[in-house]
Amino acid sequence: EILAGALQDNCRGVLVGKQTYGKGLIQ
């Protein structure tokens, strides 16, 4: 999710599919 979010937020790629799991954090 962090990789996908970074690519989406920087307008580098388009996300395709379902909503992700929702963890989206670093532990």
mmCIF file of all heavy atoms, coordinates in Angstrom:
data_MODEL
# 
_entry.id   MODEL 
# 
loop_
_atom_site.group_PDB 
_atom_site.id 
_atom_site.type_symbol 
_atom_site.label_atom_id 
_atom_site.label_alt_id 
_atom_site.label_comp_id 
_atom_site.label_asym_id 
_atom_site.label_entity_id 
_atom_site.label_seq_id 
_atom_site.pdbx_PDB_ins_code 
_atom_site.Cartn_x 
_atom_site.Cartn_y 
_atom_site.Cartn_z 
_atom_site.occupancy 
_atom_site.B_iso_or_equiv 
_atom_site.pdbx_formal_charge 
_atom_site.auth_seq_id 
_atom_site.auth_comp_id 
_atom_site.auth_asym_id 
_atom_site.auth_atom_id 
_atom_site.pdbx_PDB_model_num 
ATOM 1   N N   . GLU A 1 1  ? 0.827   -1.204 0.000   1.00 0.00 ? 1  GLU A N   1 
ATOM 2   C CA  . GLU A 1 1  ? 0.000   0.000  0.000   1.00 0.00 ? 1  GLU A CA  1 
ATOM 3   C C   . GLU A 1 1  ? 0.860   1.253  0.000   1.00 0.00 ? 1  GLU A C   1 
ATOM 4   O O   . GLU A 1 1  ? 0.517   2.251  -0.650  1.00 0.00 ? 1  GLU A O   1 
ATOM 5   C CB  . GLU A 1 1  ? -0.908  0.013  1.227   1.00 0.00 ? 1  GLU A CB  1 
ATOM 6   C CG  . GLU A 1 1  ? -2.003  -1.027 1.180   1.00 0.00 ? 1  GLU A CG  1 
ATOM 7   C CD  . GLU A 1 1  ? -2.811  -1.071 2.454   1.00 0.00 ? 1  GLU A CD  1 
ATOM 8   O OE1 . GLU A 1 1  ? -2.222  -1.317 3.531   1.00 0.00 ? 1  GLU A OE1 1 
ATOM 9   O OE2 . GLU A 1 1  ? -4.028  -0.859 2.375   1.00 0.00 ? 1  GLU A OE2 1 
ATOM 10  N N   . ILE A 1 2  ? 1.977   1.206  0.700   1.00 0.00 ? 2  ILE A N   1 
ATOM 11  C CA  . ILE A 1 2  ? 2.868   2.365  0.736   1.00 0.00 ? 2  ILE A CA  1 
ATOM 12  C C   . ILE A 1 2  ? 3.467   2.601  -0.650  1.00 0.00 ? 2  ILE A C   1 
ATOM 13  O O   . ILE A 1 2  ? 3.507   3.737  -1.135  1.00 0.00 ? 2  ILE A O   1 
ATOM 14  C CB  . ILE A 1 2  ? 3.953   2.174  1.814   1.00 0.00 ? 2  ILE A CB  1 
ATOM 15  C CG1 . ILE A 1 2  ? 3.287   2.227  3.191   1.00 0.00 ? 2  ILE A CG1 1 
ATOM 16  C CG2 . ILE A 1 2  ? 5.058   3.212  1.681   1.00 0.00 ? 2  ILE A CG2 1 
ATOM 17  C CD1 . ILE A 1 2  ? 4.137   1.743  4.328   1.00 0.00 ? 2  ILE A CD1 1 
ATOM 18  N N   . LEU A 1 3  ? 3.894   1.537  -1.318  1.00 0.00 ? 3  LEU A N   1 
ATOM 19  C CA  . LEU A 1 3  ? 4.421   1.658  -2.681  1.00 0.00 ? 3  LEU A CA  1 
ATOM 20  C C   . LEU A 1 3  ? 3.344   2.179  -3.627  1.00 0.00 ? 3  LEU A C   1 
ATOM 21  O O   . LEU A 1 3  ? 3.564   3.145  -4.365  1.00 0.00 ? 3  LEU A O   1 
ATOM 22  C CB  . LEU A 1 3  ? 4.951   0.306  -3.165  1.00 0.00 ? 3  LEU A CB  1 
ATOM 23  C CG  . LEU A 1 3  ? 5.339   0.210  -4.645  1.00 0.00 ? 3  LEU A CG  1 
ATOM 24  C CD1 . LEU A 1 3  ? 6.403   1.234  -5.001  1.00 0.00 ? 3  LEU A CD1 1 
ATOM 25  C CD2 . LEU A 1 3  ? 5.802   -1.203 -4.974  1.00 0.00 ? 3  LEU A CD2 1 
ATOM 26  N N   . ALA A 1 4  ? 2.169   1.563  -3.602  1.00 0.00 ? 4  ALA A N   1 
ATOM 27  C CA  . ALA A 1 4  ? 1.081   1.981  -4.489  1.00 0.00 ? 4  ALA A CA  1 
ATOM 28  C C   . ALA A 1 4  ? 0.688   3.433  -4.223  1.00 0.00 ? 4  ALA A C   1 
ATOM 29  O O   . ALA A 1 4  ? 0.486   4.215  -5.154  1.00 0.00 ? 4  ALA A O   1 
ATOM 30  C CB  . ALA A 1 4  ? -0.126  1.061  -4.312  1.00 0.00 ? 4  ALA A CB  1 
ATOM 31  N N   . GLY A 1 5  ? 0.605   3.805  -2.946  1.00 0.00 ? 5  GLY A N   1 
ATOM 32  C CA  . GLY A 1 5  ? 0.250   5.176  -2.591  1.00 0.00 ? 5  GLY A CA  1 
ATOM 33  C C   . GLY A 1 5  ? 1.281   6.186  -3.046  1.00 0.00 ? 5  GLY A C   1 
ATOM 34  O O   . GLY A 1 5  ? 0.933   7.270  -3.528  1.00 0.00 ? 5  GLY A O   1 
ATOM 35  N N   . ALA A 1 6  ? 2.560   5.849  -2.903  1.00 0.00 ? 6  ALA A N   1 
ATOM 36  C CA  . ALA A 1 6  ? 3.622   6.760  -3.335  1.00 0.00 ? 6  ALA A CA  1 
ATOM 37  C C   . ALA A 1 6  ? 3.566   6.973  -4.838  1.00 0.00 ? 6  ALA A C   1 
ATOM 38  O O   . ALA A 1 6  ? 3.727   8.101  -5.329  1.00 0.00 ? 6  ALA A O   1 
ATOM 39  C CB  . ALA A 1 6  ? 4.985   6.212  -2.924  1.00 0.00 ? 6  ALA A CB  1 
ATOM 40  N N   . LEU A 1 7  ? 3.322   5.907  -5.591  1.00 0.00 ? 7  LEU A N   1 
ATOM 41  C CA  . LEU A 1 7  ? 3.245   6.029  -7.052  1.00 0.00 ? 7  LEU A CA  1 
ATOM 42  C C   . LEU A 1 7  ? 2.006   6.824  -7.468  1.00 0.00 ? 7  LEU A C   1 
ATOM 43  O O   . LEU A 1 7  ? 2.071   7.658  -8.378  1.00 0.00 ? 7  LEU A O   1 
ATOM 44  C CB  . LEU A 1 7  ? 3.261   4.645  -7.697  1.00 0.00 ? 7  LEU A CB  1 
ATOM 45  C CG  . LEU A 1 7  ? 4.546   3.834  -7.475  1.00 0.00 ? 7  LEU A CG  1 
ATOM 46  C CD1 . LEU A 1 7  ? 4.418   2.441  -8.070  1.00 0.00 ? 7  LEU A CD1 1 
ATOM 47  C CD2 . LEU A 1 7  ? 5.763   4.554  -8.029  1.00 0.00 ? 7  LEU A CD2 1 
ATOM 48  N N   . GLN A 1 8  ? 0.884   6.600  -6.788  1.00 0.00 ? 8  GLN A N   1 
ATOM 49  C CA  . GLN A 1 8  ? -0.334  7.344  -7.097  1.00 0.00 ? 8  GLN A CA  1 
ATOM 50  C C   . GLN A 1 8  ? -0.205  8.817  -6.691  1.00 0.00 ? 8  GLN A C   1 
ATOM 51  O O   . GLN A 1 8  ? -0.532  9.708  -7.473  1.00 0.00 ? 8  GLN A O   1 
ATOM 52  C CB  . GLN A 1 8  ? -1.534  6.716  -6.396  1.00 0.00 ? 8  GLN A CB  1 
ATOM 53  C CG  . GLN A 1 8  ? -2.840  7.447  -6.683  1.00 0.00 ? 8  GLN A CG  1 
ATOM 54  C CD  . GLN A 1 8  ? -4.004  6.899  -5.897  1.00 0.00 ? 8  GLN A CD  1 
ATOM 55  O OE1 . GLN A 1 8  ? -3.860  6.538  -4.730  1.00 0.00 ? 8  GLN A OE1 1 
ATOM 56  N NE2 . GLN A 1 8  ? -5.157  6.831  -6.517  1.00 0.00 ? 8  GLN A NE2 1 
ATOM 57  N N   . ASP A 1 9  ? 0.280   9.074  -5.482  1.00 0.00 ? 9  ASP A N   1 
ATOM 58  C CA  . ASP A 1 9  ? 0.370   10.451 -4.977  1.00 0.00 ? 9  ASP A CA  1 
ATOM 59  C C   . ASP A 1 9  ? 1.325   11.309 -5.789  1.00 0.00 ? 9  ASP A C   1 
ATOM 60  O O   . ASP A 1 9  ? 1.170   12.525 -5.851  1.00 0.00 ? 9  ASP A O   1 
ATOM 61  C CB  . ASP A 1 9  ? 0.800   10.466 -3.513  1.00 0.00 ? 9  ASP A CB  1 
ATOM 62  C CG  . ASP A 1 9  ? -0.287  9.934  -2.589  1.00 0.00 ? 9  ASP A CG  1 
ATOM 63  O OD1 . ASP A 1 9  ? -1.423  9.711  -3.057  1.00 0.00 ? 9  ASP A OD1 1 
ATOM 64  O OD2 . ASP A 1 9  ? 0.017   9.718  -1.392  1.00 0.00 ? 9  ASP A OD2 1 
ATOM 65  N N   . ASN A 1 10 ? 2.318   10.683 -6.424  1.00 0.00 ? 10 ASN A N   1 
ATOM 66  C CA  . ASN A 1 10 ? 3.273   11.418 -7.249  1.00 0.00 ? 10 ASN A CA  1 
ATOM 67  C C   . ASN A 1 10 ? 2.877   11.390 -8.725  1.00 0.00 ? 10 ASN A C   1 
ATOM 68  O O   . ASN A 1 10 ? 3.685   11.714 -9.585  1.00 0.00 ? 10 ASN A O   1 
ATOM 69  C CB  . ASN A 1 10 ? 4.678   10.848 -7.059  1.00 0.00 ? 10 ASN A CB  1 
ATOM 70  C CG  . ASN A 1 10 ? 5.280   11.262 -5.736  1.00 0.00 ? 10 ASN A CG  1 
ATOM 71  O OD1 . ASN A 1 10 ? 5.675   12.402 -5.566  1.00 0.00 ? 10 ASN A OD1 1 
ATOM 72  N ND2 . ASN A 1 10 ? 5.316   10.337 -4.781  1.00 0.00 ? 10 ASN A ND2 1 
ATOM 73  N N   . CYS A 1 11 ? 1.624   10.994 -8.996  1.00 0.00 ? 11 CYS A N   1 
ATOM 74  C CA  . CYS A 1 11 ? 1.091   10.945 -10.361 1.00 0.00 ? 11 CYS A CA  1 
ATOM 75  C C   . CYS A 1 11 ? 1.978   10.118 -11.286 1.00 0.00 ? 11 CYS A C   1 
ATOM 76  O O   . CYS A 1 11 ? 2.142   10.431 -12.463 1.00 0.00 ? 11 CYS A O   1 
ATOM 77  C CB  . CYS A 1 11 ? 0.904   12.353 -10.926 1.00 0.00 ? 11 CYS A CB  1 
ATOM 78  S SG  . CYS A 1 11 ? -0.237  13.350 -9.960  1.00 0.00 ? 11 CYS A SG  1 
ATOM 79  N N   . ARG A 1 12 ? 2.538   9.053  -10.745 1.00 0.00 ? 12 ARG A N   1 
ATOM 80  C CA  . ARG A 1 12 ? 3.432   8.200  -11.532 1.00 0.00 ? 12 ARG A CA  1 
ATOM 81  C C   . ARG A 1 12 ? 2.719   6.979  -12.091 1.00 0.00 ? 12 ARG A C   1 
ATOM 82  O O   . ARG A 1 12 ? 3.159   6.394  -13.062 1.00 0.00 ? 12 ARG A O   1 
ATOM 83  C CB  . ARG A 1 12 ? 4.627   7.762  -10.663 1.00 0.00 ? 12 ARG A CB  1 
ATOM 84  C CG  . ARG A 1 12 ? 5.639   6.920  -11.364 1.00 0.00 ? 12 ARG A CG  1 
ATOM 85  C CD  . ARG A 1 12 ? 6.152   7.635  -12.620 1.00 0.00 ? 12 ARG A CD  1 
ATOM 86  N NE  . ARG A 1 12 ? 6.948   6.749  -13.421 1.00 0.00 ? 12 ARG A NE  1 
ATOM 87  C CZ  . ARG A 1 12 ? 6.481   5.977  -14.403 1.00 0.00 ? 12 ARG A CZ  1 
ATOM 88  N NH1 . ARG A 1 12 ? 5.201   5.974  -14.702 1.00 0.00 ? 12 ARG A NH1 1 
ATOM 89  N NH2 . ARG A 1 12 ? 7.278   5.196  -15.087 1.00 0.00 ? 12 ARG A NH2 1 
ATOM 90  N N   . GLY A 1 13 ? 1.630   6.580  -11.470 1.00 0.00 ? 13 GLY A N   1 
ATOM 91  C CA  . GLY A 1 13 ? 0.905   5.418  -11.950 1.00 0.00 ? 13 GLY A CA  1 
ATOM 92  C C   . GLY A 1 13 ? -0.559  5.504  -11.584 1.00 0.00 ? 13 GLY A C   1 
ATOM 93  O O   . GLY A 1 13 ? -0.964  6.295  -10.729 1.00 0.00 ? 13 GLY A O   1 
ATOM 94  N N   . VAL A 1 14 ? -1.352  4.674  -12.255 1.00 0.00 ? 14 VAL A N   1 
ATOM 95  C CA  . VAL A 1 14 ? -2.788  4.626  -12.023 1.00 0.00 ? 14 VAL A CA  1 
ATOM 96  C C   . VAL A 1 14 ? -3.114  3.324  -11.299 1.00 0.00 ? 14 VAL A C   1 
ATOM 97  O O   . VAL A 1 14 ? -2.715  2.249  -11.743 1.00 0.00 ? 14 VAL A O   1 
ATOM 98  C CB  . VAL A 1 14 ? -3.557  4.683  -13.364 1.00 0.00 ? 14 VAL A CB  1 
ATOM 99  C CG1 . VAL A 1 14 ? -5.051  4.540  -13.140 1.00 0.00 ? 14 VAL A CG1 1 
ATOM 100 C CG2 . VAL A 1 14 ? -3.225  5.963  -14.109 1.00 0.00 ? 14 VAL A CG2 1 
ATOM 101 N N   . LEU A 1 15 ? -3.810  3.437  -10.169 1.00 0.00 ? 15 LEU A N   1 
ATOM 102 C CA  . LEU A 1 15 ? -4.230  2.247  -9.435  1.00 0.00 ? 15 LEU A CA  1 
ATOM 103 C C   . LEU A 1 15 ? -5.463  1.660  -10.101 1.00 0.00 ? 15 LEU A C   1 
ATOM 104 O O   . LEU A 1 15 ? -6.407  2.388  -10.432 1.00 0.00 ? 15 LEU A O   1 
ATOM 105 C CB  . LEU A 1 15 ? -4.552  2.575  -7.983  1.00 0.00 ? 15 LEU A CB  1 
ATOM 106 C CG  . LEU A 1 15 ? -3.418  3.115  -7.117  1.00 0.00 ? 15 LEU A CG  1 
ATOM 107 C CD1 . LEU A 1 15 ? -3.877  3.242  -5.672  1.00 0.00 ? 15 LEU A CD1 1 
ATOM 108 C CD2 . LEU A 1 15 ? -2.196  2.248  -7.208  1.00 0.00 ? 15 LEU A CD2 1 
ATOM 109 N N   . VAL A 1 16 ? -5.447  0.331  -10.267 1.00 0.00 ? 16 VAL A N   1 
ATOM 110 C CA  . VAL A 1 16 ? -6.551  -0.373 -10.907 1.00 0.00 ? 16 VAL A CA  1 
ATOM 111 C C   . VAL A 1 16 ? -6.927  -1.559 -10.028 1.00 0.00 ? 16 VAL A C   1 
ATOM 112 O O   . VAL A 1 16 ? -6.053  -2.305 -9.590  1.00 0.00 ? 16 VAL A O   1 
ATOM 113 C CB  . VAL A 1 16 ? -6.137  -0.894 -12.309 1.00 0.00 ? 16 VAL A CB  1 
ATOM 114 C CG1 . VAL A 1 16 ? -7.277  -1.636 -12.971 1.00 0.00 ? 16 VAL A CG1 1 
ATOM 115 C CG2 . VAL A 1 16 ? -5.636  0.256  -13.188 1.00 0.00 ? 16 VAL A CG2 1 
ATOM 116 N N   . GLY A 1 17 ? -8.219  -1.726 -9.742  1.00 0.00 ? 17 GLY A N   1 
ATOM 117 C CA  . GLY A 1 17 ? -8.659  -2.888 -8.963  1.00 0.00 ? 17 GLY A CA  1 
ATOM 118 C C   . GLY A 1 17 ? -9.554  -2.495 -7.814  1.00 0.00 ? 17 GLY A C   1 
ATOM 119 O O   . GLY A 1 17 ? -10.265 -1.500 -7.867  1.00 0.00 ? 17 GLY A O   1 
ATOM 120 N N   . LYS A 1 18 ? -9.488  -3.294 -6.761  1.00 0.00 ? 18 LYS A N   1 
ATOM 121 C CA  . LYS A 1 18 ? -10.321 -3.093 -5.578  1.00 0.00 ? 18 LYS A CA  1 
ATOM 122 C C   . LYS A 1 18 ? -9.603  -2.223 -4.556  1.00 0.00 ? 18 LYS A C   1 
ATOM 123 O O   . LYS A 1 18 ? -8.396  -2.031 -4.620  1.00 0.00 ? 18 LYS A O   1 
ATOM 124 C CB  . LYS A 1 18 ? -10.618 -4.444 -4.919  1.00 0.00 ? 18 LYS A CB  1 
ATOM 125 C CG  . LYS A 1 18 ? -11.408 -5.399 -5.760  1.00 0.00 ? 18 LYS A CG  1 
ATOM 126 C CD  . LYS A 1 18 ? -11.619 -6.694 -4.986  1.00 0.00 ? 18 LYS A CD  1 
ATOM 127 C CE  . LYS A 1 18 ? -12.390 -7.706 -5.780  1.00 0.00 ? 18 LYS A CE  1 
ATOM 128 N NZ  . LYS A 1 18 ? -12.538 -8.969 -5.034  1.00 0.00 ? 18 LYS A NZ  1 
ATOM 129 N N   . GLN A 1 19 ? -10.354 -1.761 -3.558  1.00 0.00 ? 19 GLN A N   1 
ATOM 130 C CA  . GLN A 1 19 ? -9.764  -1.028 -2.451  1.00 0.00 ? 19 GLN A CA  1 
ATOM 131 C C   . GLN A 1 19 ? -8.796  -1.953 -1.714  1.00 0.00 ? 19 GLN A C   1 
ATOM 132 O O   . GLN A 1 19 ? -9.081  -3.133 -1.517  1.00 0.00 ? 19 GLN A O   1 
ATOM 133 C CB  . GLN A 1 19 ? -10.859 -0.546 -1.494  1.00 0.00 ? 19 GLN A CB  1 
ATOM 134 C CG  . GLN A 1 19 ? -10.324 0.278  -0.354  1.00 0.00 ? 19 GLN A CG  1 
ATOM 135 C CD  . GLN A 1 19 ? -11.427 0.887  0.484   1.00 0.00 ? 19 GLN A CD  1 
ATOM 136 O OE1 . GLN A 1 19 ? -12.565 1.004  0.044   1.00 0.00 ? 19 GLN A OE1 1 
ATOM 137 N NE2 . GLN A 1 19 ? -11.088 1.264  1.696   1.00 0.00 ? 19 GLN A NE2 1 
ATOM 138 N N   . THR A 1 20 ? -7.651  -1.409 -1.292  1.00 0.00 ? 20 THR A N   1 
ATOM 139 C CA  . THR A 1 20 ? -6.638  -2.218 -0.622  1.00 0.00 ? 20 THR A CA  1 
ATOM 140 C C   . THR A 1 20 ? -7.064  -2.559 0.805   1.00 0.00 ? 20 THR A C   1 
ATOM 141 O O   . THR A 1 20 ? -8.064  -2.050 1.314   1.00 0.00 ? 20 THR A O   1 
ATOM 142 C CB  . THR A 1 20 ? -5.279  -1.503 -0.613  1.00 0.00 ? 20 THR A CB  1 
ATOM 143 O OG1 . THR A 1 20 ? -5.393  -0.289 0.123   1.00 0.00 ? 20 THR A OG1 1 
ATOM 144 C CG2 . THR A 1 20 ? -4.798  -1.218 -2.031  1.00 0.00 ? 20 THR A CG2 1 
ATOM 145 N N   . TYR A 1 21 ? -6.264  -3.392 1.449   1.00 0.00 ? 21 TYR A N   1 
ATOM 146 C CA  . TYR A 1 21 ? -6.567  -3.903 2.785   1.00 0.00 ? 21 TYR A CA  1 
ATOM 147 C C   . TYR A 1 21 ? -6.817  -2.791 3.795   1.00 0.00 ? 21 TYR A C   1 
ATOM 148 O O   . TYR A 1 21 ? -7.683  -2.894 4.644   1.00 0.00 ? 21 TYR A O   1 
ATOM 149 C CB  . TYR A 1 21 ? -5.422  -4.804 3.246   1.00 0.00 ? 21 TYR A CB  1 
ATOM 150 C CG  . TYR A 1 21 ? -5.634  -5.446 4.586   1.00 0.00 ? 21 TYR A CG  1 
ATOM 151 C CD1 . TYR A 1 21 ? -6.487  -6.533 4.717   1.00 0.00 ? 21 TYR A CD1 1 
ATOM 152 C CD2 . TYR A 1 21 ? -4.979  -4.975 5.716   1.00 0.00 ? 21 TYR A CD2 1 
ATOM 153 C CE1 . TYR A 1 21 ? -6.685  -7.140 5.946   1.00 0.00 ? 21 TYR A CE1 1 
ATOM 154 C CE2 . TYR A 1 21 ? -5.174  -5.573 6.945   1.00 0.00 ? 21 TYR A CE2 1 
ATOM 155 C CZ  . TYR A 1 21 ? -6.020  -6.652 7.056   1.00 0.00 ? 21 TYR A CZ  1 
ATOM 156 O OH  . TYR A 1 21 ? -6.213  -7.247 8.269   1.00 0.00 ? 21 TYR A OH  1 
ATOM 157 N N   . GLY A 1 22 ? -6.018  -1.721 3.739   1.00 0.00 ? 22 GLY A N   1 
ATOM 158 C CA  . GLY A 1 22 ? -6.256  -0.589 4.614   1.00 0.00 ? 22 GLY A CA  1 
ATOM 159 C C   . GLY A 1 22 ? -5.270  -0.409 5.738   1.00 0.00 ? 22 GLY A C   1 
ATOM 160 O O   . GLY A 1 22 ? -5.427  0.464  6.568   1.00 0.00 ? 22 GLY A O   1 
ATOM 161 N N   . LYS A 1 23 ? -4.220  -1.226 5.766   1.00 0.00 ? 23 LYS A N   1 
ATOM 162 C CA  . LYS A 1 23 ? -3.221  -1.069 6.815   1.00 0.00 ? 23 LYS A CA  1 
ATOM 163 C C   . LYS A 1 23 ? -2.424  0.200  6.552   1.00 0.00 ? 23 LYS A C   1 
ATOM 164 O O   . LYS A 1 23 ? -2.407  1.106  7.365   1.00 0.00 ? 23 LYS A O   1 
ATOM 165 C CB  . LYS A 1 23 ? -2.302  -2.289 6.867   1.00 0.00 ? 23 LYS A CB  1 
ATOM 166 C CG  . LYS A 1 23 ? -1.295  -2.217 7.976   1.00 0.00 ? 23 LYS A CG  1 
ATOM 167 C CD  . LYS A 1 23 ? -0.458  -3.476 8.049   1.00 0.00 ? 23 LYS A CD  1 
ATOM 168 C CE  . LYS A 1 23 ? 0.570   -3.341 9.144   1.00 0.00 ? 23 LYS A CE  1 
ATOM 169 N NZ  . LYS A 1 23 ? 1.517   -4.415 9.124   1.00 0.00 ? 23 LYS A NZ  1 
ATOM 170 N N   . GLY A 1 24 ? -1.721  0.268  5.428   1.00 0.00 ? 24 GLY A N   1 
ATOM 171 C CA  . GLY A 1 24 ? -1.089  1.479  4.944   1.00 0.00 ? 24 GLY A CA  1 
ATOM 172 C C   . GLY A 1 24 ? -0.171  2.188  5.917   1.00 0.00 ? 24 GLY A C   1 
ATOM 173 O O   . GLY A 1 24 ? -0.066  3.400  5.900   1.00 0.00 ? 24 GLY A O   1 
ATOM 174 N N   . LEU A 1 25 ? 0.487   1.466  6.791   1.00 0.00 ? 25 LEU A N   1 
ATOM 175 C CA  . LEU A 1 25 ? 1.401   2.116  7.714   1.00 0.00 ? 25 LEU A CA  1 
ATOM 176 C C   . LEU A 1 25 ? 2.651   1.271  7.894   1.00 0.00 ? 25 LEU A C   1 
ATOM 177 O O   . LEU A 1 25 ? 2.706   0.120  7.490   1.00 0.00 ? 25 LEU A O   1 
ATOM 178 C CB  . LEU A 1 25 ? 0.739   2.380  9.070   1.00 0.00 ? 25 LEU A CB  1 
ATOM 179 C CG  . LEU A 1 25 ? 0.125   1.182  9.805   1.00 0.00 ? 25 LEU A CG  1 
ATOM 180 C CD1 . LEU A 1 25 ? 1.159   0.449  10.611  1.00 0.00 ? 25 LEU A CD1 1 
ATOM 181 C CD2 . LEU A 1 25 ? -0.996  1.670  10.682  1.00 0.00 ? 25 LEU A CD2 1 
ATOM 182 N N   . ILE A 1 26 ? 3.642   1.897  8.500   1.00 0.00 ? 26 ILE A N   1 
ATOM 183 C CA  . ILE A 1 26 ? 4.900   1.217  8.774   1.00 0.00 ? 26 ILE A CA  1 
ATOM 184 C C   . ILE A 1 26 ? 4.916   0.861  10.250  1.00 0.00 ? 26 ILE A C   1 
ATOM 185 O O   . ILE A 1 26 ? 4.672   1.712  11.103  1.00 0.00 ? 26 ILE A O   1 
ATOM 186 C CB  . ILE A 1 26 ? 6.103   2.131  8.442   1.00 0.00 ? 26 ILE A CB  1 
ATOM 187 C CG1 . ILE A 1 26 ? 6.095   2.507  6.971   1.00 0.00 ? 26 ILE A CG1 1 
ATOM 188 C CG2 . ILE A 1 26 ? 7.405   1.465  8.829   1.00 0.00 ? 26 ILE A CG2 1 
ATOM 189 C CD1 . ILE A 1 26 ? 7.100   3.571  6.613   1.00 0.00 ? 26 ILE A CD1 1 
ATOM 190 N N   . GLN A 1 27 ? 5.209   -0.381 10.530  1.00 0.00 ? 27 GLN A N   1 
ATOM 191 C CA  . GLN A 1 27 ? 5.319   -0.756 11.928  1.00 0.00 ? 27 GLN A CA  1 
ATOM 192 C C   . GLN A 1 27 ? 6.770   -1.149 12.215  1.00 0.00 ? 27 GLN A C   1 
ATOM 193 O O   . GLN A 1 27 ? 7.456   -1.651 11.347  1.00 0.00 ? 27 GLN A O   1 
ATOM 194 C CB  . GLN A 1 27 ? 4.367   -1.890 12.278  1.00 0.00 ? 27 GLN A CB  1 
ATOM 195 C CG  . GLN A 1 27 ? 4.621   -3.176 11.505  1.00 0.00 ? 27 GLN A CG  1 
ATOM 196 C CD  . GLN A 1 27 ? 3.481   -4.142 11.701  1.00 0.00 ? 27 GLN A CD  1 
ATOM 197 O OE1 . GLN A 1 27 ? 2.414   -3.947 11.147  1.00 0.00 ? 27 GLN A OE1 1 
ATOM 198 N NE2 . GLN A 1 27 ? 3.707   -5.178 12.454  1.00 0.00 ? 27 GLN A NE2 1 
# 
